[in-house]
């Protein structure tokens, strides 16, 4: 994952997404699983529950795809579901080598 981040390899980052807590949370909270499934059906690079499940996010290849995914999710989601589009940040992670 660190190499993928360092080289800004978005597809590889998406493939390596992992949250061990999903094994426990998703079976107990089908709405969170449903959000992940809907993102996947829309062809995102990857999707994952963030932390303990307060957020589900998806990674996509472009701003245009992000806006399209947001529009599709909005059209089939409960009205109280908040959706945001943001972008990868190339300066948010620092890797130290020894």
PDB file of N, CA and C in Angstrom:
ATOM      1  N   UNK A   1       0.827  -1.183   0.000  1.00  0.00           N
ATOM      2  CA  UNK A   1       0.000   0.000   0.000  1.00  0.00           C
ATOM      3  C   UNK A   1       0.876   1.253   0.000  1.00  0.00           C
ATOM      4  N   UNK A   2       1.938   1.235   0.803  1.00  0.00           N
ATOM      5  CA  UNK A   2       2.806   2.414   0.858  1.00  0.00           C
ATOM      6  C   UNK A   2       3.434   2.715  -0.494  1.00  0.00           C
ATOM      7  N   UNK A   3       3.837   1.675  -1.208  1.00  0.00           N
ATOM      8  CA  UNK A   3       4.408   1.872  -2.541  1.00  0.00           C
ATOM      9  C   UNK A   3       3.362   2.451  -3.485  1.00  0.00           C
ATOM     10  N   UNK A   4       2.155   1.931  -3.433  1.00  0.00           N
ATOM     11  CA  UNK A   4       1.074   2.434  -4.291  1.00  0.00           C
ATOM     12  C   UNK A   4       0.786   3.902  -3.982  1.00  0.00           C
ATOM     13  N   UNK A   5       0.772   4.262  -2.705  1.00  0.00           N
ATOM     14  CA  UNK A   5       0.555   5.655  -2.327  1.00  0.00           C
ATOM     15  C   UNK A   5       1.708   6.520  -2.820  1.00  0.00           C
ATOM     16  N   UNK A   6       2.937   6.056  -2.589  1.00  0.00           N
ATOM     17  CA  UNK A   6       4.104   6.835  -2.996  1.00  0.00           C
ATOM     18  C   UNK A   6       4.124   7.092  -4.486  1.00  0.00           C
ATOM     19  N   UNK A   7       3.666   6.126  -5.276  1.00  0.00           N
ATOM     20  CA  UNK A   7       3.662   6.269  -6.738  1.00  0.00           C
ATOM     21  C   UNK A   7       2.322   6.765  -7.282  1.00  0.00           C
ATOM     22  N   UNK A   8       1.416   7.112  -6.379  1.00  0.00           N
ATOM     23  CA  UNK A   8       0.088   7.625  -6.743  1.00  0.00           C
ATOM     24  C   UNK A   8      -0.630   6.691  -7.719  1.00  0.00           C
ATOM     25  N   UNK A   9      -0.557   5.397  -7.438  1.00  0.00           N
ATOM     26  CA  UNK A   9      -1.193   4.376  -8.269  1.00  0.00           C
ATOM     27  C   UNK A   9      -2.600   4.113  -7.738  1.00  0.00           C
ATOM     28  N   UNK A  10      -3.545   4.888  -8.225  1.00  0.00           N
ATOM     29  CA  UNK A  10      -4.904   4.862  -7.698  1.00  0.00           C
ATOM     30  C   UNK A  10      -5.558   3.484  -7.802  1.00  0.00           C
ATOM     31  N   UNK A  11      -5.397   2.817  -8.911  1.00  0.00           N
ATOM     32  CA  UNK A  11      -6.017   1.497  -9.073  1.00  0.00           C
ATOM     33  C   UNK A  11      -5.424   0.488  -8.081  1.00  0.00           C
ATOM     34  N   UNK A  12      -4.133   0.552  -7.865  1.00  0.00           N
ATOM     35  CA  UNK A  12      -3.489  -0.357  -6.910  1.00  0.00           C
ATOM     36  C   UNK A  12      -3.935  -0.035  -5.481  1.00  0.00           C
ATOM     37  N   UNK A  13      -4.041   1.237  -5.151  1.00  0.00           N
ATOM     38  CA  UNK A  13      -4.541   1.633  -3.833  1.00  0.00           C
ATOM     39  C   UNK A  13      -5.924   1.023  -3.629  1.00  0.00           C
ATOM     40  N   UNK A  14      -6.772   1.157  -4.630  1.00  0.00           N
ATOM     41  CA  UNK A  14      -8.136   0.631  -4.540  1.00  0.00           C
ATOM     42  C   UNK A  14      -8.141  -0.879  -4.344  1.00  0.00           C
ATOM     43  N   UNK A  15      -7.263  -1.585  -5.048  1.00  0.00           N
ATOM     44  CA  UNK A  15      -7.205  -3.046  -4.908  1.00  0.00           C
ATOM     45  C   UNK A  15      -6.755  -3.477  -3.511  1.00  0.00           C
ATOM     46  N   UNK A  16      -5.976  -2.628  -2.860  1.00  0.00           N
ATOM     47  CA  UNK A  16      -5.417  -2.981  -1.553  1.00  0.00           C
ATOM     48  C   UNK A  16      -6.249  -2.492  -0.369  1.00  0.00           C
ATOM     49  N   UNK A  17      -7.381  -1.861  -0.634  1.00  0.00           N
ATOM     50  CA  UNK A  17      -8.224  -1.387   0.462  1.00  0.00           C
ATOM     51  C   UNK A  17      -8.625  -2.547   1.363  1.00  0.00           C
ATOM     52  N   UNK A  18      -8.557  -2.316   2.659  1.00  0.00           N
ATOM     53  CA  UNK A  18      -8.906  -3.384   3.596  1.00  0.00           C
ATOM     54  C   UNK A  18      -9.278  -2.772   4.948  1.00  0.00           C
ATOM     55  N   UNK A  19     -10.370  -3.235   5.501  1.00  0.00           N
ATOM     56  CA  UNK A  19     -10.787  -2.840   6.832  1.00  0.00           C
ATOM     57  C   UNK A  19     -11.253  -4.114   7.536  1.00  0.00           C
ATOM     58  N   UNK A  20     -10.468  -4.602   8.457  1.00  0.00           N
ATOM     59  CA  UNK A  20     -10.757  -5.860   9.149  1.00  0.00           C
ATOM     60  C   UNK A  20     -12.098  -5.826   9.881  1.00  0.00           C
ATOM     61  N   UNK A  21     -12.531  -4.648  10.293  1.00  0.00           N
ATOM     62  CA  UNK A  21     -13.785  -4.522  11.022  1.00  0.00           C
ATOM     63  C   UNK A  21     -15.002  -4.816  10.136  1.00  0.00           C
ATOM     64  N   UNK A  22     -14.835  -4.749   8.829  1.00  0.00           N
ATOM     65  CA  UNK A  22     -15.959  -5.053   7.932  1.00  0.00           C
ATOM     66  C   UNK A  22     -16.495  -6.469   8.150  1.00  0.00           C
ATOM     67  N   UNK A  23     -15.632  -7.404   8.516  1.00  0.00           N
ATOM     68  CA  UNK A  23     -16.069  -8.791   8.742  1.00  0.00           C
ATOM     69  C   UNK A  23     -17.139  -8.868   9.823  1.00  0.00           C
ATOM     70  N   UNK A  24     -17.084  -7.962  10.775  1.00  0.00           N
ATOM     71  CA  UNK A  24     -18.031  -7.954  11.879  1.00  0.00           C
ATOM     72  C   UNK A  24     -19.219  -7.040  11.585  1.00  0.00           C
ATOM     73  N   UNK A  25     -18.943  -5.874  11.048  1.00  0.00           N
ATOM     74  CA  UNK A  25     -19.975  -4.852  10.870  1.00  0.00           C
ATOM     75  C   UNK A  25     -20.932  -5.174   9.720  1.00  0.00           C
ATOM     76  N   UNK A  26     -20.412  -5.566   8.566  1.00  0.00           N
ATOM     77  CA  UNK A  26     -21.272  -5.740   7.388  1.00  0.00           C
ATOM     78  C   UNK A  26     -22.381  -6.773   7.589  1.00  0.00           C
ATOM     79  N   UNK A  27     -22.116  -7.923   8.201  1.00  0.00           N
ATOM     80  CA  UNK A  27     -23.222  -8.868   8.416  1.00  0.00           C
ATOM     81  C   UNK A  27     -24.309  -8.324   9.358  1.00  0.00           C
ATOM     82  N   UNK A  28     -23.926  -7.459  10.266  1.00  0.00           N
ATOM     83  CA  UNK A  28     -24.878  -6.917  11.243  1.00  0.00           C
ATOM     84  C   UNK A  28     -25.592  -5.662  10.748  1.00  0.00           C
ATOM     85  N   UNK A  29     -25.046  -5.020   9.720  1.00  0.00           N
ATOM     86  CA  UNK A  29     -25.608  -3.760   9.226  1.00  0.00           C
ATOM     87  C   UNK A  29     -25.744  -3.821   7.702  1.00  0.00           C
ATOM     88  N   UNK A  30     -26.810  -4.427   7.232  1.00  0.00           N
ATOM     89  CA  UNK A  30     -26.984  -4.623   5.790  1.00  0.00           C
ATOM     90  C   UNK A  30     -27.034  -3.329   4.970  1.00  0.00           C
ATOM     91  N   UNK A  31     -27.375  -2.218   5.587  1.00  0.00           N
ATOM     92  CA  UNK A  31     -27.393  -0.947   4.844  1.00  0.00           C
ATOM     93  C   UNK A  31     -25.980  -0.541   4.424  1.00  0.00           C
ATOM     94  N   UNK A  32     -25.012  -0.819   5.271  1.00  0.00           N
ATOM     95  CA  UNK A  32     -23.620  -0.504   4.931  1.00  0.00           C
ATOM     96  C   UNK A  32     -23.157  -1.419   3.799  1.00  0.00           C
ATOM     97  N   UNK A  33     -23.479  -2.695   3.894  1.00  0.00           N
ATOM     98  CA  UNK A  33     -23.147  -3.631   2.816  1.00  0.00           C
ATOM     99  C   UNK A  33     -23.817  -3.203   1.515  1.00  0.00           C
ATOM    100  N   UNK A  34     -25.067  -2.760   1.596  1.00  0.00           N
ATOM    101  CA  UNK A  34     -25.794  -2.336   0.402  1.00  0.00           C
ATOM    102  C   UNK A  34     -25.123  -1.135  -0.261  1.00  0.00           C
ATOM    103  N   UNK A  35     -24.614  -0.196   0.531  1.00  0.00           N
ATOM    104  CA  UNK A  35     -23.899   0.951  -0.040  1.00  0.00           C
ATOM    105  C   UNK A  35     -22.649   0.488  -0.789  1.00  0.00           C
ATOM    106  N   UNK A  36     -21.889  -0.389  -0.166  1.00  0.00           N
ATOM    107  CA  UNK A  36     -20.680  -0.920  -0.823  1.00  0.00           C
ATOM    108  C   UNK A  36     -21.047  -1.633  -2.121  1.00  0.00           C
ATOM    109  N   UNK A  37     -22.100  -2.443  -2.069  1.00  0.00           N
ATOM    110  CA  UNK A  37     -22.523  -3.188  -3.255  1.00  0.00           C
ATOM    111  C   UNK A  37     -22.947  -2.241  -4.381  1.00  0.00           C
ATOM    112  N   UNK A  38     -23.666  -1.177  -4.035  1.00  0.00           N
ATOM    113  CA  UNK A  38     -24.115  -0.230  -5.058  1.00  0.00           C
ATOM    114  C   UNK A  38     -22.932   0.486  -5.702  1.00  0.00           C
ATOM    115  N   UNK A  39     -21.963   0.880  -4.885  1.00  0.00           N
ATOM    116  CA  UNK A  39     -20.752   1.493  -5.450  1.00  0.00           C
ATOM    117  C   UNK A  39     -20.084   0.522  -6.425  1.00  0.00           C
ATOM    118  N   UNK A  40     -19.929  -0.733  -6.017  1.00  0.00           N
ATOM    119  CA  UNK A  40     -19.290  -1.732  -6.874  1.00  0.00           C
ATOM    120  C   UNK A  40     -20.024  -1.882  -8.202  1.00  0.00           C
ATOM    121  N   UNK A  41     -21.341  -1.933  -8.157  1.00  0.00           N
ATOM    122  CA  UNK A  41     -22.123  -2.079  -9.388  1.00  0.00           C
ATOM    123  C   UNK A  41     -21.948  -0.890 -10.326  1.00  0.00           C
ATOM    124  N   UNK A  42     -21.553   0.257  -9.778  1.00  0.00           N
ATOM    125  CA  UNK A  42     -21.346   1.449 -10.605  1.00  0.00           C
ATOM    126  C   UNK A  42     -19.937   1.502 -11.203  1.00  0.00           C
ATOM    127  N   UNK A  43     -19.149   0.468 -10.959  1.00  0.00           N
ATOM    128  CA  UNK A  43     -17.847   0.353 -11.617  1.00  0.00           C
ATOM    129  C   UNK A  43     -16.720   1.167 -11.008  1.00  0.00           C
ATOM    130  N   UNK A  44     -16.771   1.392  -9.704  1.00  0.00           N
ATOM    131  CA  UNK A  44     -15.698   2.135  -9.052  1.00  0.00           C
ATOM    132  C   UNK A  44     -14.429   1.276  -8.978  1.00  0.00           C
ATOM    133  N   UNK A  45     -13.299   1.925  -8.740  1.00  0.00           N
ATOM    134  CA  UNK A  45     -12.038   1.189  -8.588  1.00  0.00           C
ATOM    135  C   UNK A  45     -12.064   0.328  -7.332  1.00  0.00           C
ATOM    136  N   UNK A  46     -12.634   0.858  -6.271  1.00  0.00           N
ATOM    137  CA  UNK A  46     -12.729   0.140  -5.010  1.00  0.00           C
ATOM    138  C   UNK A  46     -13.629   0.885  -4.054  1.00  0.00           C
ATOM    139  N   UNK A  47     -14.129   0.177  -3.071  1.00  0.00           N
ATOM    140  CA  UNK A  47     -14.997   0.780  -2.060  1.00  0.00           C
ATOM    141  C   UNK A  47     -14.738   0.109  -0.729  1.00  0.00           C
ATOM    142  N   UNK A  48     -14.940   0.864   0.360  1.00  0.00           N
ATOM    143  CA  UNK A  48     -14.673   0.316   1.680  1.00  0.00           C
ATOM    144  C   UNK A  48     -15.411   1.124   2.732  1.00  0.00           C
ATOM    145  N   UNK A  49     -15.706   0.462   3.816  1.00  0.00           N
ATOM    146  CA  UNK A  49     -16.236   1.121   4.996  1.00  0.00           C
ATOM    147  C   UNK A  49     -15.071   1.831   5.672  1.00  0.00           C
ATOM    148  N   UNK A  50     -15.285   3.053   6.076  1.00  0.00           N
ATOM    149  CA  UNK A  50     -14.243   3.810   6.760  1.00  0.00           C
ATOM    150  C   UNK A  50     -14.421   3.676   8.265  1.00  0.00           C
ATOM    151  N   UNK A  51     -13.369   3.341   8.949  1.00  0.00           N
ATOM    152  CA  UNK A  51     -13.447   3.209  10.398  1.00  0.00           C
ATOM    153  C   UNK A  51     -14.449   2.152  10.810  1.00  0.00           C
ATOM    154  N   UNK A  52     -15.353   2.534  11.717  1.00  0.00           N
ATOM    155  CA  UNK A  52     -16.338   1.588  12.224  1.00  0.00           C
ATOM    156  C   UNK A  52     -17.658   1.646  11.468  1.00  0.00           C
ATOM    157  N   UNK A  53     -17.693   2.343  10.350  1.00  0.00           N
ATOM    158  CA  UNK A  53     -18.868   2.289   9.500  1.00  0.00           C
ATOM    159  C   UNK A  53     -19.654   3.568   9.383  1.00  0.00           C
ATOM    160  N   UNK A  54     -19.166   4.663   9.943  1.00  0.00           N
ATOM    161  CA  UNK A  54     -19.903   5.914   9.814  1.00  0.00           C
ATOM    162  C   UNK A  54     -19.850   6.454   8.387  1.00  0.00           C
ATOM    163  N   UNK A  55     -18.902   5.959   7.611  1.00  0.00           N
ATOM    164  CA  UNK A  55     -18.728   6.403   6.236  1.00  0.00           C
ATOM    165  C   UNK A  55     -18.394   5.212   5.353  1.00  0.00           C
ATOM    166  N   UNK A  56     -18.916   5.235   4.141  1.00  0.00           N
ATOM    167  CA  UNK A  56     -18.517   4.301   3.098  1.00  0.00           C
ATOM    168  C   UNK A  56     -18.012   5.159   1.954  1.00  0.00           C
ATOM    169  N   UNK A  57     -16.858   4.805   1.410  1.00  0.00           N
ATOM    170  CA  UNK A  57     -16.311   5.605   0.321  1.00  0.00           C
ATOM    171  C   UNK A  57     -15.975   4.732  -0.870  1.00  0.00           C
ATOM    172  N   UNK A  58     -15.809   5.395  -1.996  1.00  0.00           N
ATOM    173  CA  UNK A  58     -15.414   4.712  -3.227  1.00  0.00           C
ATOM    174  C   UNK A  58     -14.322   5.521  -3.902  1.00  0.00           C
ATOM    175  N   UNK A  59     -13.417   4.819  -4.554  1.00  0.00           N
ATOM    176  CA  UNK A  59     -12.367   5.459  -5.338  1.00  0.00           C
ATOM    177  C   UNK A  59     -12.691   5.267  -6.815  1.00  0.00           C
ATOM    178  N   UNK A  60     -12.523   6.340  -7.585  1.00  0.00           N
ATOM    179  CA  UNK A  60     -12.816   6.299  -9.014  1.00  0.00           C
ATOM    180  C   UNK A  60     -11.644   6.882  -9.785  1.00  0.00           C
ATOM    181  N   UNK A  61     -11.706   6.781 -11.108  1.00  0.00           N
ATOM    182  CA  UNK A  61     -10.579   7.197 -11.938  1.00  0.00           C
ATOM    183  C   UNK A  61     -10.551   8.682 -12.272  1.00  0.00           C
ATOM    184  N   UNK A  62     -11.690   9.372 -12.209  1.00  0.00           N
ATOM    185  CA  UNK A  62     -11.711  10.771 -12.638  1.00  0.00           C
ATOM    186  C   UNK A  62     -12.802  11.548 -11.916  1.00  0.00           C
ATOM    187  N   UNK A  63     -12.688  12.859 -11.992  1.00  0.00           N
ATOM    188  CA  UNK A  63     -13.715  13.722 -11.422  1.00  0.00           C
ATOM    189  C   UNK A  63     -15.050  13.494 -12.121  1.00  0.00           C
ATOM    190  N   UNK A  64     -15.015  13.326 -13.429  1.00  0.00           N
ATOM    191  CA  UNK A  64     -16.257  13.083 -14.184  1.00  0.00           C
ATOM    192  C   UNK A  64     -16.932  11.802 -13.710  1.00  0.00           C
ATOM    193  N   UNK A  65     -16.152  10.739 -13.498  1.00  0.00           N
ATOM    194  CA  UNK A  65     -16.737   9.489 -13.008  1.00  0.00           C
ATOM    195  C   UNK A  65     -17.274   9.680 -11.596  1.00  0.00           C
ATOM    196  N   UNK A  66     -16.568  10.431 -10.771  1.00  0.00           N
ATOM    197  CA  UNK A  66     -17.031  10.682  -9.406  1.00  0.00           C
ATOM    198  C   UNK A  66     -18.386  11.388  -9.417  1.00  0.00           C
ATOM    199  N   UNK A  67     -18.521  12.380 -10.272  1.00  0.00           N
ATOM    200  CA  UNK A  67     -19.793  13.101 -10.361  1.00  0.00           C
ATOM    201  C   UNK A  67     -20.907  12.189 -10.872  1.00  0.00           C
ATOM    202  N   UNK A  68     -20.571  11.316 -11.812  1.00  0.00           N
ATOM    203  CA  UNK A  68     -21.561  10.380 -12.339  1.00  0.00           C
ATOM    204  C   UNK A  68     -21.995   9.384 -11.259  1.00  0.00           C
ATOM    205  N   UNK A  69     -21.031   8.844 -10.525  1.00  0.00           N
ATOM    206  CA  UNK A  69     -21.345   7.910  -9.441  1.00  0.00           C
ATOM    207  C   UNK A  69     -22.199   8.615  -8.384  1.00  0.00           C
ATOM    208  N   UNK A  70     -21.843   9.837  -8.040  1.00  0.00           N
ATOM    209  CA  UNK A  70     -22.616  10.598  -7.052  1.00  0.00           C
ATOM    210  C   UNK A  70     -24.059  10.773  -7.523  1.00  0.00           C
ATOM    211  N   UNK A  71     -24.243  11.139  -8.783  1.00  0.00           N
ATOM    212  CA  UNK A  71     -25.597  11.331  -9.322  1.00  0.00           C
ATOM    213  C   UNK A  71     -26.396  10.026  -9.284  1.00  0.00           C
ATOM    214  N   UNK A  72     -25.755   8.919  -9.665  1.00  0.00           N
ATOM    215  CA  UNK A  72     -26.433   7.615  -9.643  1.00  0.00           C
ATOM    216  C   UNK A  72     -26.789   7.219  -8.209  1.00  0.00           C
ATOM    217  N   UNK A  73     -25.864   7.420  -7.295  1.00  0.00           N
ATOM    218  CA  UNK A  73     -26.130   7.084  -5.902  1.00  0.00           C
ATOM    219  C   UNK A  73     -27.252   7.959  -5.348  1.00  0.00           C
ATOM    220  N   UNK A  74     -27.238   9.226  -5.684  1.00  0.00           N
ATOM    221  CA  UNK A  74     -28.263  10.154  -5.208  1.00  0.00           C
ATOM    222  C   UNK A  74     -29.647   9.724  -5.681  1.00  0.00           C
ATOM    223  N   UNK A  75     -29.737   9.247  -6.926  1.00  0.00           N
ATOM    224  CA  UNK A  75     -31.041   8.901  -7.488  1.00  0.00           C
ATOM    225  C   UNK A  75     -31.650   7.643  -6.855  1.00  0.00           C
ATOM    226  N   UNK A  76     -30.839   6.837  -6.204  1.00  0.00           N
ATOM    227  CA  UNK A  76     -31.353   5.578  -5.632  1.00  0.00           C
ATOM    228  C   UNK A  76     -31.125   5.470  -4.130  1.00  0.00           C
ATOM    229  N   UNK A  77     -30.766   6.590  -3.486  1.00  0.00           N
ATOM    230  CA  UNK A  77     -30.455   6.560  -2.052  1.00  0.00           C
ATOM    231  C   UNK A  77     -31.514   7.280  -1.243  1.00  0.00           C
ATOM    232  N   UNK A  78     -31.571   6.986   0.043  1.00  0.00           N
ATOM    233  CA  UNK A  78     -32.471   7.741   0.906  1.00  0.00           C
ATOM    234  C   UNK A  78     -32.087   9.224   0.884  1.00  0.00           C
ATOM    235  N   UNK A  79     -33.048  10.117   1.033  1.00  0.00           N
ATOM    236  CA  UNK A  79     -32.744  11.552   0.933  1.00  0.00           C
ATOM    237  C   UNK A  79     -31.806  12.056   2.023  1.00  0.00           C
ATOM    238  N   UNK A  80     -31.685  11.341   3.133  1.00  0.00           N
ATOM    239  CA  UNK A  80     -30.812  11.803   4.213  1.00  0.00           C
ATOM    240  C   UNK A  80     -29.359  11.318   4.069  1.00  0.00           C
ATOM    241  N   UNK A  81     -29.049  10.619   2.990  1.00  0.00           N
ATOM    242  CA  UNK A  81     -27.682  10.153   2.758  1.00  0.00           C
ATOM    243  C   UNK A  81     -26.858  11.288   2.162  1.00  0.00           C
ATOM    244  N   UNK A  82     -25.778  11.653   2.838  1.00  0.00           N
ATOM    245  CA  UNK A  82     -24.891  12.702   2.334  1.00  0.00           C
ATOM    246  C   UNK A  82     -23.856  12.095   1.406  1.00  0.00           C
ATOM    247  N   UNK A  83     -23.611  12.762   0.293  1.00  0.00           N
ATOM    248  CA  UNK A  83     -22.611  12.316  -0.677  1.00  0.00           C
ATOM    249  C   UNK A  83     -21.689  13.480  -1.000  1.00  0.00           C
ATOM    250  N   UNK A  84     -20.377  13.205  -1.054  1.00  0.00           N
ATOM    251  CA  UNK A  84     -19.384  14.216  -1.391  1.00  0.00           C
ATOM    252  C   UNK A  84     -18.442  13.675  -2.441  1.00  0.00           C
ATOM    253  N   UNK A  85     -17.884  14.586  -3.212  1.00  0.00           N
ATOM    254  CA  UNK A  85     -16.824  14.254  -4.157  1.00  0.00           C
ATOM    255  C   UNK A  85     -15.577  14.993  -3.706  1.00  0.00           C
ATOM    256  N   UNK A  86     -14.478  14.273  -3.648  1.00  0.00           N
ATOM    257  CA  UNK A  86     -13.193  14.876  -3.317  1.00  0.00           C
ATOM    258  C   UNK A  86     -12.150  14.260  -4.229  1.00  0.00           C
ATOM    259  N   UNK A  87     -10.899  14.633  -4.103  1.00  0.00           N
ATOM    260  CA  UNK A  87      -9.879  14.087  -4.991  1.00  0.00           C
ATOM    261  C   UNK A  87      -8.705  13.543  -4.200  1.00  0.00           C
ATOM    262  N   UNK A  88      -7.935  12.693  -4.868  1.00  0.00           N
ATOM    263  CA  UNK A  88      -6.708  12.182  -4.267  1.00  0.00           C
ATOM    264  C   UNK A  88      -5.804  13.360  -3.957  1.00  0.00           C
ATOM    265  N   UNK A  89      -5.093  13.279  -2.864  1.00  0.00           N
ATOM    266  CA  UNK A  89      -4.161  14.320  -2.466  1.00  0.00           C
ATOM    267  C   UNK A  89      -2.748  13.753  -2.537  1.00  0.00           C
ATOM    268  N   UNK A  90      -1.903  14.394  -3.304  1.00  0.00           N
ATOM    269  CA  UNK A  90      -0.549  13.869  -3.474  1.00  0.00           C
ATOM    270  C   UNK A  90       0.391  14.261  -2.335  1.00  0.00           C
ATOM    271  N   UNK A  91      -0.050  15.123  -1.426  1.00  0.00           N
ATOM    272  CA  UNK A  91       0.852  15.557  -0.366  1.00  0.00           C
ATOM    273  C   UNK A  91       0.362  15.191   1.028  1.00  0.00           C
ATOM    274  N   UNK A  92      -0.664  14.371   1.129  1.00  0.00           N
ATOM    275  CA  UNK A  92      -1.255  14.081   2.433  1.00  0.00           C
ATOM    276  C   UNK A  92      -0.560  12.992   3.218  1.00  0.00           C
ATOM    277  N   UNK A  93       0.303  12.211   2.586  1.00  0.00           N
ATOM    278  CA  UNK A  93       0.975  11.108   3.265  1.00  0.00           C
ATOM    279  C   UNK A  93       2.486  11.276   3.070  1.00  0.00           C
ATOM    280  N   UNK A  94       3.218  11.130   4.132  1.00  0.00           N
ATOM    281  CA  UNK A  94       4.678  11.195   4.024  1.00  0.00           C
ATOM    282  C   UNK A  94       5.236   9.833   4.365  1.00  0.00           C
ATOM    283  N   UNK A  95       6.122   9.350   3.549  1.00  0.00           N
ATOM    284  CA  UNK A  95       6.767   8.066   3.774  1.00  0.00           C
ATOM    285  C   UNK A  95       8.204   8.297   4.188  1.00  0.00           C
ATOM    286  N   UNK A  96       8.587   7.745   5.306  1.00  0.00           N
ATOM    287  CA  UNK A  96       9.950   7.865   5.778  1.00  0.00           C
ATOM    288  C   UNK A  96      10.702   6.593   5.466  1.00  0.00           C
ATOM    289  N   UNK A  97      11.868   6.730   4.896  1.00  0.00           N
ATOM    290  CA  UNK A  97      12.705   5.558   4.626  1.00  0.00           C
ATOM    291  C   UNK A  97      13.941   5.640   5.503  1.00  0.00           C
ATOM    292  N   UNK A  98      14.369   4.533   5.993  1.00  0.00           N
ATOM    293  CA  UNK A  98      15.533   4.499   6.888  1.00  0.00           C
ATOM    294  C   UNK A  98      16.652   3.723   6.250  1.00  0.00           C
TER     295      UNK A  98
END
